[in-house]
Amino acid sequence: MDNSIRTTLADDGTVTVTVFGEIDYSNADDVADGIRDAITDWSPPTVHVDLRDASFIDSTGLGALIEGYRAATASNARFMVINPTPTFRRVLTVTGLSEFFGLTDTAGQSDLLEPTNEAATGA
């Protein structure tokens, strides 16, 4: 795993995977692995993927988020994308992924969009 992600565990058991820089073919596997490893290691009730410090996402990056979502839902964890930039929010909305993931501006605020908890399709 490279330094493009940081994983933290909160006192309430929530795992936050913070992504830095680009999420693309060069690190999408690391992002997906980081999310899966956190779920395997900590069995969290909730997984947050924080995109505040991410600058770009391509289709392989979207695939990494889908893989993380699938791993979370398979272990009955809630999956949320937090702090998306306006560009990320638009990409996730246009692709329909925001309906699966849910989006919120910060982990402490009420959700702007609730996830549907259905199986995501795609990449």
N, C-alpha and C. Protein backbone atom coordinates (compact mmCIF):
# COMPACT_ATOMS: atom_id res chain seq x y z
N MET A 1 0.84 -1.17 0.00
CA MET A 1 0.00 0.00 0.00
C MET A 1 0.89 1.23 0.00
N ASP A 2 0.57 2.22 -0.81
CA ASP A 2 1.42 3.40 -0.85
C ASP A 2 0.88 4.49 0.07
N ASN A 3 1.49 5.66 0.04
CA ASN A 3 1.12 6.73 0.95
C ASN A 3 -0.01 7.61 0.43
N SER A 4 -0.79 7.16 -0.54
CA SER A 4 -1.90 7.95 -1.06
C SER A 4 -3.15 7.78 -0.21
N ILE A 5 -3.10 6.92 0.80
CA ILE A 5 -4.23 6.77 1.71
C ILE A 5 -3.74 6.69 3.15
N ARG A 6 -4.65 7.07 4.06
CA ARG A 6 -4.41 6.92 5.50
C ARG A 6 -5.68 6.34 6.09
N THR A 7 -5.54 5.34 6.93
CA THR A 7 -6.70 4.70 7.55
C THR A 7 -6.66 4.95 9.04
N THR A 8 -7.80 5.39 9.60
CA THR A 8 -7.90 5.63 11.03
C THR A 8 -9.14 4.93 11.58
N LEU A 9 -9.07 4.58 12.86
CA LEU A 9 -10.17 3.94 13.56
C LEU A 9 -10.62 4.86 14.68
N ALA A 10 -11.88 5.26 14.68
CA ALA A 10 -12.43 6.14 15.71
C ALA A 10 -12.87 5.32 16.92
N ASP A 11 -13.10 5.99 18.03
CA ASP A 11 -13.53 5.33 19.26
C ASP A 11 -14.84 4.57 19.09
N ASP A 12 -15.71 5.06 18.20
CA ASP A 12 -17.00 4.38 17.98
C ASP A 12 -16.90 3.22 17.00
N GLY A 13 -15.69 2.92 16.53
CA GLY A 13 -15.47 1.80 15.61
C GLY A 13 -15.52 2.19 14.14
N THR A 14 -15.86 3.43 13.84
CA THR A 14 -15.90 3.88 12.45
C THR A 14 -14.50 3.94 11.87
N VAL A 15 -14.35 3.38 10.69
CA VAL A 15 -13.08 3.46 9.96
C VAL A 15 -13.18 4.58 8.95
N THR A 16 -12.14 5.42 8.89
CA THR A 16 -12.07 6.45 7.87
C THR A 16 -10.83 6.20 7.02
N VAL A 17 -11.06 6.07 5.72
CA VAL A 17 -9.97 5.94 4.76
C VAL A 17 -9.88 7.28 4.04
N THR A 18 -8.80 8.01 4.29
CA THR A 18 -8.60 9.32 3.68
C THR A 18 -7.68 9.13 2.47
N VAL A 19 -8.14 9.66 1.34
CA VAL A 19 -7.39 9.51 0.08
C VAL A 19 -6.74 10.85 -0.26
N PHE A 20 -5.47 10.80 -0.64
CA PHE A 20 -4.71 11.99 -1.00
C PHE A 20 -4.34 11.95 -2.48
N GLY A 21 -4.48 13.08 -3.16
CA GLY A 21 -4.06 13.17 -4.55
C GLY A 21 -5.02 12.46 -5.49
N GLU A 22 -4.47 11.86 -6.51
CA GLU A 22 -5.27 11.23 -7.56
C GLU A 22 -5.64 9.80 -7.19
N ILE A 23 -6.85 9.41 -7.62
CA ILE A 23 -7.28 8.02 -7.51
C ILE A 23 -7.42 7.53 -8.94
N ASP A 24 -6.39 6.83 -9.40
CA ASP A 24 -6.37 6.40 -10.80
C ASP A 24 -5.71 5.04 -10.92
N TYR A 25 -5.41 4.66 -12.14
CA TYR A 25 -4.84 3.33 -12.40
C TYR A 25 -3.58 3.06 -11.61
N SER A 26 -2.86 4.10 -11.21
CA SER A 26 -1.59 3.89 -10.51
C SER A 26 -1.77 3.51 -9.04
N ASN A 27 -2.93 3.80 -8.45
CA ASN A 27 -3.12 3.49 -7.04
C ASN A 27 -4.51 2.96 -6.68
N ALA A 28 -5.35 2.71 -7.67
CA ALA A 28 -6.71 2.24 -7.39
C ALA A 28 -6.70 0.93 -6.60
N ASP A 29 -5.78 0.03 -6.92
CA ASP A 29 -5.69 -1.22 -6.16
C ASP A 29 -5.33 -0.96 -4.70
N ASP A 30 -4.44 0.00 -4.47
CA ASP A 30 -4.06 0.35 -3.10
C ASP A 30 -5.26 0.89 -2.31
N VAL A 31 -6.06 1.71 -2.97
CA VAL A 31 -7.24 2.28 -2.31
C VAL A 31 -8.23 1.16 -1.98
N ALA A 32 -8.53 0.30 -2.94
CA ALA A 32 -9.45 -0.81 -2.70
C ALA A 32 -8.91 -1.73 -1.61
N ASP A 33 -7.61 -2.06 -1.69
CA ASP A 33 -6.99 -2.92 -0.68
C ASP A 33 -7.05 -2.28 0.70
N GLY A 34 -6.81 -0.97 0.77
CA GLY A 34 -6.86 -0.28 2.06
C GLY A 34 -8.23 -0.35 2.70
N ILE A 35 -9.26 -0.19 1.89
CA ILE A 35 -10.63 -0.27 2.41
C ILE A 35 -10.92 -1.70 2.86
N ARG A 36 -10.60 -2.67 2.00
CA ARG A 36 -10.86 -4.08 2.35
C ARG A 36 -10.08 -4.50 3.60
N ASP A 37 -8.81 -4.11 3.68
CA ASP A 37 -7.99 -4.47 4.84
C ASP A 37 -8.55 -3.89 6.12
N ALA A 38 -9.01 -2.65 6.07
CA ALA A 38 -9.59 -2.02 7.26
C ALA A 38 -10.84 -2.76 7.71
N ILE A 39 -11.65 -3.19 6.76
CA ILE A 39 -12.87 -3.93 7.09
C ILE A 39 -12.51 -5.28 7.69
N THR A 40 -11.54 -5.96 7.10
CA THR A 40 -11.11 -7.27 7.61
C THR A 40 -10.48 -7.14 8.99
N ASP A 41 -9.64 -6.13 9.17
CA ASP A 41 -8.91 -5.97 10.43
C ASP A 41 -9.79 -5.51 11.58
N TRP A 42 -10.75 -4.60 11.31
CA TRP A 42 -11.49 -3.95 12.39
C TRP A 42 -12.98 -4.23 12.41
N SER A 43 -13.55 -4.86 11.41
CA SER A 43 -15.00 -5.12 11.35
C SER A 43 -15.83 -3.91 11.79
N PRO A 44 -15.64 -2.78 11.13
CA PRO A 44 -16.31 -1.56 11.57
C PRO A 44 -17.80 -1.56 11.23
N PRO A 45 -18.61 -0.83 12.02
CA PRO A 45 -20.02 -0.68 11.66
C PRO A 45 -20.20 0.30 10.50
N THR A 46 -19.24 1.21 10.34
CA THR A 46 -19.31 2.24 9.31
C THR A 46 -17.93 2.46 8.70
N VAL A 47 -17.90 2.62 7.38
CA VAL A 47 -16.67 2.95 6.66
C VAL A 47 -16.88 4.28 5.97
N HIS A 48 -16.01 5.23 6.26
CA HIS A 48 -16.03 6.52 5.57
C HIS A 48 -14.83 6.59 4.65
N VAL A 49 -15.06 7.02 3.41
CA VAL A 49 -13.96 7.31 2.49
C VAL A 49 -13.95 8.83 2.33
N ASP A 50 -12.90 9.44 2.85
CA ASP A 50 -12.79 10.90 2.88
C ASP A 50 -12.04 11.37 1.64
N LEU A 51 -12.73 12.14 0.80
CA LEU A 51 -12.15 12.63 -0.45
C LEU A 51 -11.72 14.10 -0.39
N ARG A 52 -11.68 14.67 0.80
CA ARG A 52 -11.32 16.09 0.95
C ARG A 52 -9.99 16.42 0.29
N ASP A 53 -9.00 15.52 0.42
CA ASP A 53 -7.66 15.79 -0.11
C ASP A 53 -7.39 15.08 -1.43
N ALA A 54 -8.42 14.50 -2.03
CA ALA A 54 -8.26 13.86 -3.34
C ALA A 54 -8.45 14.91 -4.43
N SER A 55 -7.70 14.76 -5.51
CA SER A 55 -7.73 15.78 -6.55
C SER A 55 -8.30 15.31 -7.89
N PHE A 56 -8.39 13.99 -8.09
CA PHE A 56 -8.81 13.46 -9.38
C PHE A 56 -9.25 12.01 -9.19
N ILE A 57 -10.21 11.58 -10.02
CA ILE A 57 -10.61 10.17 -10.01
C ILE A 57 -10.91 9.75 -11.44
N ASP A 58 -10.42 8.56 -11.82
CA ASP A 58 -10.76 8.02 -13.14
C ASP A 58 -11.63 6.78 -12.93
N SER A 59 -11.88 6.06 -14.01
CA SER A 59 -12.78 4.90 -13.91
C SER A 59 -12.23 3.81 -13.01
N THR A 60 -10.91 3.65 -12.96
CA THR A 60 -10.36 2.64 -12.05
C THR A 60 -10.51 3.09 -10.60
N GLY A 61 -10.46 4.39 -10.37
CA GLY A 61 -10.72 4.92 -9.03
C GLY A 61 -12.16 4.69 -8.61
N LEU A 62 -13.09 4.90 -9.54
CA LEU A 62 -14.50 4.60 -9.25
C LEU A 62 -14.66 3.10 -8.95
N GLY A 63 -13.94 2.27 -9.71
CA GLY A 63 -13.97 0.83 -9.46
C GLY A 63 -13.47 0.49 -8.06
N ALA A 64 -12.45 1.20 -7.59
CA ALA A 64 -11.93 0.97 -6.24
C ALA A 64 -12.98 1.33 -5.19
N LEU A 65 -13.72 2.42 -5.40
CA LEU A 65 -14.78 2.77 -4.47
C LEU A 65 -15.89 1.73 -4.49
N ILE A 66 -16.22 1.22 -5.67
CA ILE A 66 -17.24 0.17 -5.77
C ILE A 66 -16.78 -1.09 -5.03
N GLU A 67 -15.51 -1.46 -5.19
CA GLU A 67 -14.99 -2.62 -4.47
C GLU A 67 -15.07 -2.40 -2.96
N GLY A 68 -14.72 -1.20 -2.51
CA GLY A 68 -14.83 -0.89 -1.08
C GLY A 68 -16.26 -0.95 -0.60
N TYR A 69 -17.18 -0.42 -1.40
CA TYR A 69 -18.60 -0.48 -1.06
C TYR A 69 -19.07 -1.92 -0.94
N ARG A 70 -18.70 -2.74 -1.88
CA ARG A 70 -19.10 -4.15 -1.86
C ARG A 70 -18.54 -4.87 -0.63
N ALA A 71 -17.28 -4.60 -0.30
CA ALA A 71 -16.68 -5.23 0.88
C ALA A 71 -17.40 -4.78 2.15
N ALA A 72 -17.73 -3.49 2.22
CA ALA A 72 -18.43 -2.98 3.40
C ALA A 72 -19.81 -3.60 3.54
N THR A 73 -20.57 -3.60 2.46
CA THR A 73 -21.93 -4.14 2.56
C THR A 73 -21.91 -5.65 2.80
N ALA A 74 -20.91 -6.35 2.28
CA ALA A 74 -20.80 -7.80 2.53
C ALA A 74 -20.56 -8.09 4.01
N SER A 75 -19.97 -7.13 4.71
CA SER A 75 -19.73 -7.33 6.15
C SER A 75 -20.74 -6.53 6.99
N ASN A 76 -21.83 -6.11 6.36
CA ASN A 76 -22.91 -5.37 7.02
C ASN A 76 -22.46 -4.04 7.59
N ALA A 77 -21.47 -3.42 6.98
CA ALA A 77 -21.04 -2.08 7.39
C ALA A 77 -21.68 -1.04 6.48
N ARG A 78 -21.90 0.12 7.03
CA ARG A 78 -22.40 1.25 6.26
C ARG A 78 -21.22 1.89 5.54
N PHE A 79 -21.39 2.27 4.28
CA PHE A 79 -20.33 2.86 3.47
C PHE A 79 -20.74 4.26 3.07
N MET A 80 -19.91 5.24 3.39
CA MET A 80 -20.21 6.63 3.06
C MET A 80 -18.99 7.31 2.48
N VAL A 81 -19.20 8.12 1.45
CA VAL A 81 -18.16 9.01 0.92
C VAL A 81 -18.37 10.34 1.63
N ILE A 82 -17.31 10.83 2.28
CA ILE A 82 -17.43 12.08 3.00
C ILE A 82 -16.50 13.13 2.39
N ASN A 83 -16.90 14.38 2.56
CA ASN A 83 -16.13 15.54 2.10
C ASN A 83 -15.80 15.52 0.61
N PRO A 84 -16.76 15.15 -0.24
CA PRO A 84 -16.45 15.19 -1.68
C PRO A 84 -16.37 16.63 -2.17
N THR A 85 -15.44 16.90 -3.05
CA THR A 85 -15.38 18.21 -3.68
C THR A 85 -16.59 18.32 -4.62
N PRO A 86 -16.92 19.52 -5.07
CA PRO A 86 -18.03 19.63 -6.03
C PRO A 86 -17.82 18.76 -7.28
N THR A 87 -16.59 18.64 -7.73
CA THR A 87 -16.31 17.80 -8.90
C THR A 87 -16.58 16.33 -8.60
N PHE A 88 -16.11 15.85 -7.45
CA PHE A 88 -16.37 14.46 -7.08
C PHE A 88 -17.85 14.21 -6.88
N ARG A 89 -18.53 15.16 -6.25
CA ARG A 89 -19.97 15.01 -6.04
C ARG A 89 -20.68 14.86 -7.39
N ARG A 90 -20.28 15.66 -8.37
CA ARG A 90 -20.90 15.59 -9.69
C ARG A 90 -20.62 14.25 -10.35
N VAL A 91 -19.37 13.78 -10.30
CA VAL A 91 -19.02 12.49 -10.91
C VAL A 91 -19.83 11.37 -10.26
N LEU A 92 -19.90 11.37 -8.94
CA LEU A 92 -20.63 10.30 -8.24
C LEU A 92 -22.13 10.38 -8.50
N THR A 93 -22.64 11.59 -8.67
CA THR A 93 -24.07 11.76 -8.96
C THR A 93 -24.39 11.35 -10.40
N VAL A 94 -23.59 11.81 -11.36
CA VAL A 94 -23.83 11.49 -12.77
C VAL A 94 -23.73 9.99 -13.02
N THR A 95 -22.81 9.32 -12.35
CA THR A 95 -22.65 7.87 -12.54
C THR A 95 -23.68 7.07 -11.75
N GLY A 96 -24.44 7.72 -10.89
CA GLY A 96 -25.43 7.03 -10.07
C GLY A 96 -24.86 6.40 -8.82
N LEU A 97 -23.57 6.54 -8.61
CA LEU A 97 -22.94 5.90 -7.45
C LEU A 97 -23.30 6.57 -6.13
N SER A 98 -23.65 7.83 -6.17
CA SER A 98 -24.02 8.52 -4.93
C SER A 98 -25.23 7.86 -4.27
N GLU A 99 -26.09 7.25 -5.06
CA GLU A 99 -27.25 6.56 -4.50
C GLU A 99 -26.85 5.32 -3.71
N PHE A 100 -25.76 4.70 -4.08
CA PHE A 100 -25.27 3.53 -3.36
C PHE A 100 -24.41 3.94 -2.17
N PHE A 101 -23.51 4.88 -2.39
CA PHE A 101 -22.55 5.24 -1.38
C PHE A 101 -23.12 6.14 -0.30
N GLY A 102 -23.94 7.08 -0.68
CA GLY A 102 -24.31 8.15 0.22
C GLY A 102 -23.18 9.17 0.23
N LEU A 103 -23.52 10.41 0.42
CA LEU A 103 -22.53 11.50 0.44
C LEU A 103 -22.83 12.40 1.63
N THR A 104 -21.79 12.89 2.24
CA THR A 104 -21.96 13.88 3.30
C THR A 104 -20.75 14.80 3.28
N ASP A 105 -20.96 16.04 3.70
CA ASP A 105 -19.86 17.00 3.69
C ASP A 105 -18.87 16.75 4.81
N THR A 106 -19.34 16.30 5.96
CA THR A 106 -18.44 15.90 7.04
C THR A 106 -19.04 14.72 7.76
N ALA A 107 -18.21 13.95 8.40
CA ALA A 107 -18.68 12.75 9.08
C ALA A 107 -19.65 13.08 10.21
N GLY A 108 -19.54 14.27 10.78
CA GLY A 108 -20.38 14.63 11.90
C GLY A 108 -21.72 15.25 11.53
N GLN A 109 -21.91 15.64 10.28
CA GLN A 109 -23.16 16.25 9.86
C GLN A 109 -24.12 15.20 9.38
N SER A 110 -25.39 15.57 9.33
CA SER A 110 -26.38 14.64 8.80
C SER A 110 -26.09 14.39 7.33
N ASP A 111 -26.45 13.22 6.88
CA ASP A 111 -26.16 12.80 5.52
C ASP A 111 -26.93 13.64 4.52
N LEU A 112 -26.27 14.04 3.46
CA LEU A 112 -26.93 14.75 2.38
C LEU A 112 -27.68 13.77 1.49
N LEU A 113 -27.08 12.62 1.27
CA LEU A 113 -27.73 11.54 0.54
C LEU A 113 -27.48 10.25 1.31
N GLU A 114 -28.50 9.50 1.56
CA GLU A 114 -28.37 8.22 2.25
C GLU A 114 -28.08 7.12 1.24
N PRO A 115 -27.21 6.18 1.59
CA PRO A 115 -26.97 5.05 0.68
C PRO A 115 -28.19 4.15 0.61
N THR A 116 -28.33 3.43 -0.51
CA THR A 116 -29.47 2.54 -0.68
C THR A 116 -29.22 1.15 -0.13
N ASN A 117 -27.96 0.80 0.15
CA ASN A 117 -27.58 -0.53 0.62
C ASN A 117 -27.94 -1.63 -0.35
N GLU A 118 -27.94 -1.33 -1.62
CA GLU A 118 -28.15 -2.32 -2.66
C GLU A 118 -26.81 -2.62 -3.31
N ALA A 119 -26.74 -3.71 -4.04
CA ALA A 119 -25.49 -4.08 -4.70
C ALA A 119 -25.18 -3.10 -5.82
N ALA A 120 -23.98 -2.56 -5.79
CA ALA A 120 -23.53 -1.67 -6.87
C ALA A 120 -23.08 -2.50 -8.05
N THR A 121 -23.33 -1.98 -9.22
CA THR A 121 -22.88 -2.67 -10.42
C THR A 121 -21.78 -1.87 -11.06
N GLY A 122 -21.08 -2.47 -11.96
CA GLY A 122 -20.07 -1.73 -12.70
C GLY A 122 -18.68 -2.20 -12.41
N ALA A 123 -17.78 -1.48 -12.95
CA ALA A 123 -16.35 -1.72 -13.00
C ALA A 123 -15.85 -2.74 -12.04
